[in-house]
N, C-alpha and C. Protein backbone atom coordinates (compact mmCIF):
# COMPACT_ATOMS: atom_id res chain seq x y z
N UNK A 1 101.96 108.67 107.63
CA UNK A 1 102.60 107.37 107.47
C UNK A 1 102.98 106.83 108.85
N UNK A 2 103.00 105.49 108.95
CA UNK A 2 103.30 104.82 110.21
C UNK A 2 104.37 103.76 109.99
N UNK A 3 104.88 103.22 111.11
CA UNK A 3 105.93 102.21 111.03
C UNK A 3 105.44 100.83 111.43
N UNK A 4 104.25 100.74 112.00
CA UNK A 4 103.76 99.45 112.49
C UNK A 4 104.35 99.06 113.82
N UNK A 5 105.03 100.01 114.50
CA UNK A 5 105.54 99.76 115.84
C UNK A 5 104.57 100.43 116.82
N UNK A 6 103.63 99.67 117.32
CA UNK A 6 102.59 100.20 118.20
C UNK A 6 103.22 100.70 119.49
N UNK A 7 102.79 101.90 119.92
CA UNK A 7 103.37 102.49 121.12
C UNK A 7 102.79 101.92 122.40
N UNK A 8 101.55 101.45 122.32
CA UNK A 8 100.91 100.88 123.50
C UNK A 8 99.40 100.95 123.38
N UNK A 9 98.75 100.82 124.50
CA UNK A 9 97.29 100.70 124.54
C UNK A 9 96.63 101.91 125.19
N UNK A 10 95.46 102.27 124.67
CA UNK A 10 94.54 103.17 125.35
C UNK A 10 93.17 102.51 125.34
N UNK A 11 92.18 103.17 125.94
CA UNK A 11 90.84 102.61 126.00
C UNK A 11 89.82 103.52 125.34
N UNK A 12 88.84 102.89 124.71
CA UNK A 12 87.66 103.62 124.24
C UNK A 12 86.76 103.85 125.44
N UNK A 13 86.46 105.11 125.72
CA UNK A 13 85.62 105.44 126.87
C UNK A 13 84.14 105.56 126.49
N UNK A 14 83.91 105.92 125.21
CA UNK A 14 82.52 106.11 124.77
C UNK A 14 82.48 106.04 123.25
N UNK A 15 81.38 105.54 122.72
CA UNK A 15 81.13 105.54 121.27
C UNK A 15 79.83 106.30 121.03
N UNK A 16 79.91 107.33 120.18
CA UNK A 16 78.73 108.12 119.85
C UNK A 16 78.39 107.93 118.38
N UNK A 17 77.10 107.71 118.10
CA UNK A 17 76.65 107.53 116.73
C UNK A 17 76.24 108.86 116.12
N UNK A 18 76.79 109.17 114.93
CA UNK A 18 76.40 110.37 114.21
C UNK A 18 75.66 110.00 112.94
N UNK A 19 75.47 110.95 112.06
CA UNK A 19 74.79 110.73 110.79
C UNK A 19 75.82 110.40 109.73
N UNK A 20 76.02 109.11 109.44
CA UNK A 20 77.01 108.69 108.46
C UNK A 20 78.38 108.44 109.07
N UNK A 21 78.51 108.56 110.36
CA UNK A 21 79.79 108.34 111.02
C UNK A 21 79.55 108.04 112.50
N UNK A 22 80.61 107.58 113.15
CA UNK A 22 80.58 107.43 114.61
C UNK A 22 81.79 108.15 115.18
N UNK A 23 81.73 108.46 116.46
CA UNK A 23 82.84 109.11 117.15
C UNK A 23 83.26 108.25 118.32
N UNK A 24 84.56 108.00 118.42
CA UNK A 24 85.06 107.32 119.60
C UNK A 24 85.83 108.31 120.47
N UNK A 25 85.61 108.22 121.77
CA UNK A 25 86.31 109.07 122.73
C UNK A 25 87.35 108.18 123.41
N UNK A 26 88.61 108.58 123.27
CA UNK A 26 89.74 107.72 123.66
C UNK A 26 90.49 108.33 124.83
N UNK A 27 90.88 107.49 125.78
CA UNK A 27 91.65 107.94 126.94
C UNK A 27 93.06 108.36 126.54
N UNK A 28 93.69 109.11 127.43
CA UNK A 28 95.08 109.52 127.22
C UNK A 28 95.90 109.16 128.46
N UNK A 29 95.66 107.99 128.98
CA UNK A 29 96.29 107.55 130.23
C UNK A 29 97.81 107.52 130.12
N UNK A 30 98.32 107.10 128.95
CA UNK A 30 99.76 106.94 128.76
C UNK A 30 100.42 108.15 128.10
N UNK A 31 99.64 109.24 127.95
CA UNK A 31 100.16 110.49 127.37
C UNK A 31 100.69 110.35 125.95
N UNK A 32 100.11 109.41 125.20
CA UNK A 32 100.47 109.32 123.78
C UNK A 32 100.03 110.56 123.02
N UNK A 33 99.00 111.23 123.54
CA UNK A 33 98.41 112.38 122.84
C UNK A 33 98.80 113.71 123.46
N UNK A 34 99.89 113.72 124.20
CA UNK A 34 100.29 114.92 124.92
C UNK A 34 100.44 116.14 123.99
N UNK A 35 100.97 115.92 122.79
CA UNK A 35 101.17 117.01 121.84
C UNK A 35 100.27 116.90 120.62
N UNK A 36 99.16 116.14 120.76
CA UNK A 36 98.26 115.97 119.62
C UNK A 36 97.53 117.28 119.32
N UNK A 37 97.08 117.43 118.09
CA UNK A 37 96.36 118.63 117.68
C UNK A 37 95.20 118.23 116.78
N UNK A 38 94.22 119.12 116.65
CA UNK A 38 93.09 118.86 115.77
C UNK A 38 93.59 118.66 114.35
N UNK A 39 93.20 117.57 113.73
CA UNK A 39 93.66 117.26 112.39
C UNK A 39 94.82 116.30 112.34
N UNK A 40 95.41 115.98 113.50
CA UNK A 40 96.52 115.04 113.54
C UNK A 40 96.04 113.63 113.18
N UNK A 41 96.91 112.87 112.52
CA UNK A 41 96.59 111.50 112.15
C UNK A 41 97.14 110.53 113.19
N UNK A 42 96.33 109.58 113.57
CA UNK A 42 96.70 108.56 114.55
C UNK A 42 96.21 107.21 114.04
N UNK A 43 97.05 106.19 114.15
CA UNK A 43 96.63 104.84 113.79
C UNK A 43 96.02 104.17 115.01
N UNK A 44 94.76 103.78 114.87
CA UNK A 44 94.04 103.08 115.93
C UNK A 44 93.68 101.69 115.40
N UNK A 45 94.27 100.67 116.01
CA UNK A 45 94.15 99.30 115.50
C UNK A 45 94.52 99.23 114.02
N UNK A 46 95.48 100.07 113.64
CA UNK A 46 95.99 100.06 112.28
C UNK A 46 95.26 100.96 111.31
N UNK A 47 94.17 101.58 111.75
CA UNK A 47 93.35 102.42 110.88
C UNK A 47 93.74 103.89 111.09
N UNK A 48 94.06 104.58 110.02
CA UNK A 48 94.43 105.99 110.11
C UNK A 48 93.17 106.81 110.38
N UNK A 49 93.14 107.48 111.54
CA UNK A 49 92.01 108.33 111.92
C UNK A 49 92.52 109.73 112.24
N UNK A 50 91.60 110.69 112.18
CA UNK A 50 91.94 112.10 112.42
C UNK A 50 91.38 112.54 113.76
N UNK A 51 92.23 113.20 114.54
CA UNK A 51 91.77 113.77 115.81
C UNK A 51 90.85 114.94 115.51
N UNK A 52 89.63 114.89 116.04
CA UNK A 52 88.63 115.91 115.73
C UNK A 52 88.29 116.81 116.93
N UNK A 53 88.65 116.37 118.13
CA UNK A 53 88.37 117.19 119.31
C UNK A 53 89.29 116.74 120.43
N UNK A 54 89.80 117.70 121.19
CA UNK A 54 90.67 117.41 122.33
C UNK A 54 90.01 117.99 123.58
N UNK A 55 89.76 117.14 124.55
CA UNK A 55 89.15 117.57 125.81
C UNK A 55 90.22 117.54 126.89
N UNK A 56 90.83 118.68 127.15
CA UNK A 56 91.92 118.75 128.12
C UNK A 56 91.44 118.45 129.53
N UNK A 57 90.22 118.87 129.85
CA UNK A 57 89.68 118.64 131.20
C UNK A 57 89.52 117.14 131.49
N UNK A 58 89.03 116.41 130.48
CA UNK A 58 88.80 114.97 130.64
C UNK A 58 90.02 114.14 130.22
N UNK A 59 91.04 114.80 129.64
CA UNK A 59 92.23 114.11 129.14
C UNK A 59 91.86 113.03 128.13
N UNK A 60 91.03 113.44 127.15
CA UNK A 60 90.57 112.52 126.12
C UNK A 60 90.73 113.16 124.74
N UNK A 61 90.71 112.31 123.72
CA UNK A 61 90.75 112.76 122.33
C UNK A 61 89.62 112.06 121.58
N UNK A 62 88.97 112.81 120.68
CA UNK A 62 87.86 112.28 119.90
C UNK A 62 88.34 111.98 118.47
N UNK A 63 87.83 110.89 117.91
CA UNK A 63 88.13 110.52 116.53
C UNK A 63 86.82 110.14 115.84
N UNK A 64 86.60 110.68 114.63
CA UNK A 64 85.44 110.32 113.84
C UNK A 64 85.78 109.15 112.91
N UNK A 65 84.81 108.25 112.73
CA UNK A 65 84.98 107.08 111.86
C UNK A 65 83.82 107.05 110.88
N UNK A 66 84.11 107.11 109.60
CA UNK A 66 83.04 107.08 108.59
C UNK A 66 82.37 105.71 108.58
N UNK A 67 81.15 105.65 108.08
CA UNK A 67 80.45 104.38 107.99
C UNK A 67 81.21 103.39 107.11
N UNK A 68 81.85 103.89 106.02
CA UNK A 68 82.62 103.01 105.14
C UNK A 68 83.79 102.39 105.88
N UNK A 69 84.51 103.20 106.66
CA UNK A 69 85.63 102.67 107.43
C UNK A 69 85.14 101.64 108.45
N UNK A 70 84.03 101.92 109.09
CA UNK A 70 83.46 100.95 110.02
C UNK A 70 83.13 99.63 109.33
N UNK A 71 82.57 99.72 108.12
CA UNK A 71 82.21 98.50 107.39
C UNK A 71 83.43 97.68 107.02
N UNK A 72 84.53 98.35 106.67
CA UNK A 72 85.73 97.65 106.19
C UNK A 72 86.59 97.08 107.31
N UNK A 73 86.45 97.59 108.52
CA UNK A 73 87.39 97.28 109.59
C UNK A 73 86.69 96.76 110.84
N UNK A 74 87.51 96.42 111.81
CA UNK A 74 86.96 95.95 113.10
C UNK A 74 86.57 97.10 114.01
N UNK A 75 86.75 98.34 113.58
CA UNK A 75 86.39 99.48 114.43
C UNK A 75 84.90 99.49 114.77
N UNK A 76 84.10 98.87 113.91
CA UNK A 76 82.66 98.81 114.18
C UNK A 76 82.33 98.01 115.43
N UNK A 77 83.29 97.20 115.90
CA UNK A 77 83.08 96.37 117.09
C UNK A 77 83.48 97.07 118.38
N UNK A 78 84.07 98.26 118.27
CA UNK A 78 84.53 98.95 119.47
C UNK A 78 83.35 99.38 120.34
N UNK A 79 83.57 99.31 121.64
CA UNK A 79 82.57 99.76 122.61
C UNK A 79 83.31 100.30 123.82
N UNK A 80 82.57 100.92 124.71
CA UNK A 80 83.19 101.46 125.92
C UNK A 80 83.95 100.36 126.65
N UNK A 81 85.22 100.63 126.94
CA UNK A 81 86.06 99.65 127.62
C UNK A 81 86.99 98.90 126.70
N UNK A 82 86.78 98.99 125.39
CA UNK A 82 87.66 98.29 124.44
C UNK A 82 89.06 98.86 124.48
N UNK A 83 90.07 97.99 124.55
CA UNK A 83 91.46 98.42 124.42
C UNK A 83 91.80 98.55 122.94
N UNK A 84 92.65 99.52 122.62
CA UNK A 84 93.02 99.76 121.23
C UNK A 84 94.51 100.01 121.12
N UNK A 85 95.09 99.55 120.00
CA UNK A 85 96.49 99.81 119.70
C UNK A 85 96.65 101.23 119.18
N UNK A 86 97.66 101.94 119.69
CA UNK A 86 97.90 103.33 119.31
C UNK A 86 99.28 103.48 118.69
N UNK A 87 99.34 104.14 117.52
CA UNK A 87 100.60 104.62 116.98
C UNK A 87 100.40 106.02 116.41
N UNK A 88 101.21 106.95 116.89
CA UNK A 88 101.22 108.29 116.31
C UNK A 88 101.95 108.24 114.97
N UNK A 89 101.63 109.18 114.08
CA UNK A 89 102.26 109.20 112.77
C UNK A 89 103.76 109.40 112.91
N UNK A 90 104.52 108.81 111.96
CA UNK A 90 105.98 108.83 112.02
C UNK A 90 106.51 110.24 111.78
N UNK A 91 107.57 110.56 112.48
CA UNK A 91 108.23 111.85 112.31
C UNK A 91 109.42 111.70 111.37
N UNK A 92 109.62 112.68 110.51
CA UNK A 92 110.72 112.66 109.56
C UNK A 92 112.04 112.53 110.31
N UNK A 93 112.86 111.59 109.88
CA UNK A 93 114.17 111.40 110.49
C UNK A 93 114.18 110.42 111.64
N UNK A 94 113.00 110.01 112.09
CA UNK A 94 112.94 109.05 113.19
C UNK A 94 113.20 107.64 112.68
N UNK A 95 113.66 106.79 113.56
CA UNK A 95 113.95 105.40 113.19
C UNK A 95 112.66 104.67 112.82
N UNK A 96 112.73 103.87 111.73
CA UNK A 96 111.60 103.04 111.34
C UNK A 96 111.96 101.59 111.63
N UNK A 97 111.46 101.10 112.75
CA UNK A 97 111.78 99.74 113.16
C UNK A 97 110.86 98.69 112.56
N UNK A 98 109.84 99.13 111.80
CA UNK A 98 108.92 98.18 111.18
C UNK A 98 109.00 98.28 109.67
N UNK A 99 107.87 98.61 109.04
CA UNK A 99 107.86 98.93 107.61
C UNK A 99 106.81 100.00 107.38
N UNK A 100 106.84 100.61 106.22
CA UNK A 100 105.96 101.75 105.97
C UNK A 100 104.51 101.31 105.83
N UNK A 101 103.68 101.86 106.70
CA UNK A 101 102.24 101.62 106.66
C UNK A 101 101.52 102.95 106.49
N UNK A 102 100.33 102.89 105.91
CA UNK A 102 99.58 104.11 105.65
C UNK A 102 98.28 104.19 106.45
N UNK A 103 97.91 103.10 107.08
CA UNK A 103 96.65 103.08 107.81
C UNK A 103 95.44 102.94 106.90
N UNK A 104 95.70 102.57 105.62
CA UNK A 104 94.62 102.36 104.67
C UNK A 104 94.32 100.86 104.63
N UNK A 105 93.38 100.45 105.45
CA UNK A 105 93.11 99.04 105.66
C UNK A 105 92.40 98.43 104.45
N UNK A 106 92.89 97.24 104.07
CA UNK A 106 92.30 96.51 102.95
C UNK A 106 90.94 95.94 103.32
N UNK A 107 90.84 95.47 104.55
CA UNK A 107 89.64 94.81 105.04
C UNK A 107 90.02 94.01 106.27
N UNK A 108 89.28 92.96 106.53
CA UNK A 108 89.59 92.12 107.69
C UNK A 108 89.97 90.72 107.23
N UNK A 109 90.93 90.14 107.94
CA UNK A 109 91.34 88.75 107.77
C UNK A 109 90.94 88.00 109.04
N UNK A 110 90.98 86.67 108.97
CA UNK A 110 90.47 85.88 110.10
C UNK A 110 91.57 85.01 110.71
N UNK A 111 91.59 84.97 112.03
CA UNK A 111 92.50 84.08 112.75
C UNK A 111 91.91 82.66 112.70
N UNK A 112 92.60 81.75 112.00
CA UNK A 112 92.06 80.39 111.84
C UNK A 112 92.80 79.37 112.68
N UNK A 113 93.92 79.78 113.27
CA UNK A 113 94.65 78.88 114.17
C UNK A 113 95.58 79.72 115.03
N UNK A 114 95.72 79.34 116.30
CA UNK A 114 96.70 80.00 117.16
C UNK A 114 97.31 78.99 118.10
N UNK A 115 98.60 79.15 118.31
CA UNK A 115 99.35 78.25 119.19
C UNK A 115 100.21 79.10 120.11
N UNK A 116 100.01 78.96 121.41
CA UNK A 116 100.84 79.65 122.39
C UNK A 116 101.95 78.71 122.83
N UNK A 117 103.18 79.18 122.66
CA UNK A 117 104.35 78.42 123.10
C UNK A 117 105.15 79.30 124.04
N UNK A 118 105.11 78.96 125.33
CA UNK A 118 105.75 79.83 126.31
C UNK A 118 105.08 81.19 126.30
N UNK A 119 105.89 82.23 126.08
CA UNK A 119 105.36 83.59 126.04
C UNK A 119 105.17 84.09 124.62
N UNK A 120 105.27 83.21 123.63
CA UNK A 120 105.13 83.61 122.23
C UNK A 120 103.80 83.12 121.68
N UNK A 121 103.44 83.65 120.52
CA UNK A 121 102.16 83.30 119.91
C UNK A 121 102.33 83.12 118.41
N UNK A 122 101.91 81.96 117.91
CA UNK A 122 101.90 81.67 116.47
C UNK A 122 100.47 81.79 115.97
N UNK A 123 100.29 82.50 114.85
CA UNK A 123 98.96 82.71 114.28
C UNK A 123 98.93 82.30 112.82
N UNK A 124 97.89 81.61 112.44
CA UNK A 124 97.58 81.38 111.02
C UNK A 124 96.41 82.28 110.66
N UNK A 125 96.60 83.08 109.62
CA UNK A 125 95.64 84.10 109.22
C UNK A 125 95.13 83.81 107.81
N UNK A 126 93.81 83.79 107.64
CA UNK A 126 93.22 83.59 106.32
C UNK A 126 92.99 84.93 105.64
N UNK A 127 93.59 85.11 104.47
CA UNK A 127 93.51 86.36 103.72
C UNK A 127 92.36 86.25 102.71
N UNK A 128 91.41 87.17 102.73
CA UNK A 128 90.24 87.06 101.84
C UNK A 128 90.46 87.66 100.45
N UNK A 129 89.48 87.43 99.59
CA UNK A 129 89.32 88.14 98.32
C UNK A 129 90.50 87.97 97.37
N UNK A 130 91.15 86.81 97.40
CA UNK A 130 92.23 86.55 96.46
C UNK A 130 93.47 87.39 96.66
N UNK A 131 93.62 88.06 97.79
CA UNK A 131 94.77 88.93 98.02
C UNK A 131 96.01 88.20 98.51
N UNK A 132 95.95 86.86 98.58
CA UNK A 132 97.12 86.10 99.00
C UNK A 132 98.29 86.33 98.05
N UNK A 133 98.03 86.75 96.82
CA UNK A 133 99.10 86.97 95.83
C UNK A 133 100.05 88.09 96.26
N UNK A 134 99.63 88.93 97.20
CA UNK A 134 100.47 90.04 97.65
C UNK A 134 101.38 89.67 98.82
N UNK A 135 101.39 88.40 99.22
CA UNK A 135 102.18 88.00 100.39
C UNK A 135 103.21 86.95 100.02
N UNK A 136 104.43 87.14 100.55
CA UNK A 136 105.56 86.28 100.25
C UNK A 136 106.32 85.97 101.54
N UNK A 137 107.00 84.83 101.54
CA UNK A 137 107.79 84.44 102.69
C UNK A 137 108.79 85.53 103.06
N UNK A 138 108.80 85.91 104.33
CA UNK A 138 109.65 86.95 104.89
C UNK A 138 109.27 88.36 104.42
N UNK A 139 108.11 88.48 103.81
CA UNK A 139 107.58 89.80 103.47
C UNK A 139 106.88 90.39 104.69
N UNK A 140 106.18 91.51 104.48
CA UNK A 140 105.55 92.24 105.57
C UNK A 140 104.03 92.20 105.46
N UNK A 141 103.38 92.34 106.61
CA UNK A 141 101.95 92.59 106.66
C UNK A 141 101.68 93.50 107.86
N UNK A 142 100.69 94.38 107.72
CA UNK A 142 100.21 95.16 108.85
C UNK A 142 98.97 94.49 109.40
N UNK A 143 99.00 94.08 110.67
CA UNK A 143 97.85 93.43 111.30
C UNK A 143 97.49 94.19 112.57
N UNK A 144 96.30 94.76 112.59
CA UNK A 144 95.84 95.58 113.72
C UNK A 144 96.87 96.65 114.08
N UNK A 145 97.56 97.15 113.05
CA UNK A 145 98.51 98.23 113.25
C UNK A 145 99.92 97.79 113.54
N UNK A 146 100.16 96.48 113.64
CA UNK A 146 101.50 95.95 113.94
C UNK A 146 102.19 95.49 112.66
N UNK A 147 103.42 95.91 112.49
CA UNK A 147 104.24 95.43 111.39
C UNK A 147 104.76 94.05 111.75
N UNK A 148 104.36 93.03 110.96
CA UNK A 148 104.76 91.66 111.27
C UNK A 148 105.37 91.00 110.04
N UNK A 149 106.27 90.06 110.30
CA UNK A 149 106.94 89.32 109.23
C UNK A 149 106.14 88.07 108.89
N UNK A 150 105.96 87.82 107.61
CA UNK A 150 105.24 86.64 107.14
C UNK A 150 106.18 85.44 107.18
N UNK A 151 105.83 84.42 107.95
CA UNK A 151 106.70 83.25 108.12
C UNK A 151 106.23 82.03 107.35
N UNK A 152 105.05 82.10 106.77
CA UNK A 152 104.53 80.99 105.96
C UNK A 152 103.49 81.55 105.02
N UNK A 153 103.47 81.05 103.78
CA UNK A 153 102.43 81.41 102.82
C UNK A 153 101.90 80.13 102.20
N UNK A 154 100.59 79.92 102.28
CA UNK A 154 99.94 78.78 101.64
C UNK A 154 98.89 79.32 100.69
N UNK A 155 99.20 79.33 99.42
CA UNK A 155 98.30 79.93 98.43
C UNK A 155 97.07 79.07 98.19
N UNK A 156 97.14 77.78 98.50
CA UNK A 156 95.99 76.91 98.31
C UNK A 156 94.90 77.19 99.34
N UNK A 157 95.30 77.44 100.58
CA UNK A 157 94.33 77.72 101.62
C UNK A 157 94.13 79.21 101.87
N UNK A 158 94.89 80.05 101.12
CA UNK A 158 94.82 81.51 101.27
C UNK A 158 95.24 81.94 102.67
N UNK A 159 96.26 81.26 103.21
CA UNK A 159 96.69 81.53 104.58
C UNK A 159 98.14 82.00 104.64
N UNK A 160 98.42 82.84 105.64
CA UNK A 160 99.78 83.18 106.02
C UNK A 160 99.95 82.90 107.50
N UNK A 161 101.20 82.83 107.94
CA UNK A 161 101.47 82.66 109.36
C UNK A 161 102.39 83.77 109.84
N UNK A 162 102.17 84.21 111.09
CA UNK A 162 103.04 85.19 111.73
C UNK A 162 103.30 84.72 113.16
N UNK A 163 104.40 85.19 113.73
CA UNK A 163 104.75 84.83 115.09
C UNK A 163 105.01 86.10 115.89
N UNK A 164 104.44 86.16 117.08
CA UNK A 164 104.53 87.36 117.92
C UNK A 164 105.39 87.10 119.14
N UNK A 165 106.29 88.04 119.41
CA UNK A 165 107.18 87.93 120.55
C UNK A 165 106.51 88.48 121.81
N UNK A 166 107.05 88.18 122.99
CA UNK A 166 106.43 88.65 124.23
C UNK A 166 106.23 90.16 124.30
N UNK A 167 107.17 90.95 123.79
CA UNK A 167 107.04 92.41 123.87
C UNK A 167 105.84 92.90 123.08
N UNK A 168 105.61 92.31 121.90
CA UNK A 168 104.43 92.69 121.10
C UNK A 168 103.14 92.34 121.85
N UNK A 169 103.12 91.17 122.47
CA UNK A 169 101.93 90.76 123.23
C UNK A 169 101.70 91.67 124.42
N UNK A 170 102.79 92.11 125.05
CA UNK A 170 102.66 92.98 126.23
C UNK A 170 102.08 94.33 125.87
N UNK A 171 102.49 94.87 124.73
CA UNK A 171 102.15 96.24 124.37
C UNK A 171 100.85 96.38 123.60
N UNK A 172 100.28 95.30 123.10
CA UNK A 172 99.17 95.40 122.15
C UNK A 172 97.98 94.53 122.55
N UNK A 173 96.93 94.66 121.76
CA UNK A 173 95.72 93.87 121.97
C UNK A 173 95.89 92.40 121.57
N UNK A 174 97.02 92.07 120.96
CA UNK A 174 97.23 90.68 120.54
C UNK A 174 97.24 89.72 121.71
N UNK A 175 97.51 90.21 122.91
CA UNK A 175 97.54 89.33 124.09
C UNK A 175 96.18 88.67 124.33
N UNK A 176 95.11 89.29 123.81
CA UNK A 176 93.76 88.78 124.05
C UNK A 176 93.12 88.15 122.82
N UNK A 177 93.90 87.93 121.75
CA UNK A 177 93.32 87.42 120.51
C UNK A 177 92.74 86.01 120.72
N UNK A 178 91.65 85.73 120.01
CA UNK A 178 90.99 84.43 120.11
C UNK A 178 90.80 83.83 118.72
N UNK A 179 90.66 82.52 118.68
CA UNK A 179 90.38 81.81 117.45
C UNK A 179 89.10 82.34 116.83
N UNK A 180 89.14 82.65 115.53
CA UNK A 180 87.96 83.16 114.83
C UNK A 180 87.87 84.67 114.80
N UNK A 181 88.75 85.37 115.52
CA UNK A 181 88.74 86.84 115.51
C UNK A 181 89.05 87.38 114.12
N UNK A 182 88.37 88.47 113.77
CA UNK A 182 88.73 89.23 112.58
C UNK A 182 89.75 90.29 112.96
N UNK A 183 90.70 90.53 112.07
CA UNK A 183 91.76 91.52 112.32
C UNK A 183 91.93 92.40 111.10
N UNK A 184 92.27 93.66 111.33
CA UNK A 184 92.51 94.59 110.23
C UNK A 184 93.84 94.25 109.57
N UNK A 185 93.84 94.20 108.22
CA UNK A 185 95.10 93.93 107.54
C UNK A 185 95.38 94.96 106.46
N UNK A 186 96.66 95.28 106.33
CA UNK A 186 97.11 96.23 105.32
C UNK A 186 98.22 95.59 104.49
N UNK A 187 98.05 95.64 103.18
CA UNK A 187 99.03 95.10 102.24
C UNK A 187 100.18 96.08 102.11
N UNK A 188 101.41 95.55 102.05
CA UNK A 188 102.57 96.40 101.79
C UNK A 188 102.44 96.99 100.38
N UNK A 189 102.46 98.32 100.30
CA UNK A 189 102.15 98.98 99.03
C UNK A 189 103.23 98.75 97.98
N UNK A 190 104.48 98.61 98.37
CA UNK A 190 105.53 98.33 97.39
C UNK A 190 105.32 96.95 96.76
N UNK A 191 104.93 95.98 97.59
CA UNK A 191 104.67 94.64 97.07
C UNK A 191 103.46 94.66 96.14
N UNK A 192 102.42 95.39 96.51
CA UNK A 192 101.24 95.48 95.66
C UNK A 192 101.61 96.06 94.28
N UNK A 193 102.40 97.13 94.29
CA UNK A 193 102.78 97.78 93.04
C UNK A 193 103.56 96.81 92.15
N UNK A 194 104.50 96.08 92.72
CA UNK A 194 105.30 95.15 91.92
C UNK A 194 104.45 94.01 91.36
N UNK A 195 103.58 93.43 92.19
CA UNK A 195 102.75 92.32 91.73
C UNK A 195 101.80 92.78 90.64
N UNK A 196 101.14 93.93 90.83
CA UNK A 196 100.19 94.42 89.83
C UNK A 196 100.90 94.79 88.53
N UNK A 197 102.09 95.36 88.63
CA UNK A 197 102.85 95.73 87.43
C UNK A 197 103.23 94.49 86.63
N UNK A 198 103.73 93.47 87.32
CA UNK A 198 104.11 92.23 86.64
C UNK A 198 102.90 91.54 86.02
N UNK A 199 101.76 91.58 86.70
CA UNK A 199 100.53 91.00 86.15
C UNK A 199 100.12 91.72 84.88
N UNK A 200 100.19 93.04 84.90
CA UNK A 200 99.81 93.82 83.72
C UNK A 200 100.73 93.56 82.54
N UNK A 201 102.04 93.42 82.82
CA UNK A 201 102.99 93.12 81.75
C UNK A 201 102.70 91.74 81.15
N UNK A 202 102.42 90.76 82.02
CA UNK A 202 102.14 89.40 81.57
C UNK A 202 100.87 89.34 80.71
N UNK A 203 99.86 90.11 81.12
CA UNK A 203 98.58 90.12 80.37
C UNK A 203 98.73 90.72 78.99
N UNK A 204 99.69 91.64 78.84
CA UNK A 204 99.90 92.28 77.53
C UNK A 204 100.64 91.34 76.58
């Protein structure tokens, strides 16, 4: 489980293609992986991945990505030199400054508008596949691994809006976001459960 509070950035140094999966080799410049172990879960751009190899000599960690995960997420776009958001799994008893995320990405949403005001960033995000029903004003969304507050919901256009503060832009890949970019999104599971339960009751 994760909190959506990204710790910072690392880089993809290499992408290797396997049979039914790919492997990314990730730098450890900021020592986020100092105590990582084989089998540990790490959120990379919001996607829960498993550490499969640790190269102490090169100070790198390897992560395998299934073809299905690549199809569902923006990880398929990663290449050598790509910056990625990193969050280690939450520790029991630690402060949760965001909201509970699982790294189980729904798919990708699209940035349809962005406005930079000073050091802040306003984004309008188009939610696909009729999933706008899971978003409410002041609710949560996981976007590229960041826990963000929903500041606008337009069910007619299937859009939500979020606003990013300077610290989020400094620590994450959001500083380089462009109009038309696809982003990984995760629905808050408590909200999904409540909406689906109410729908089922209404249908009965």
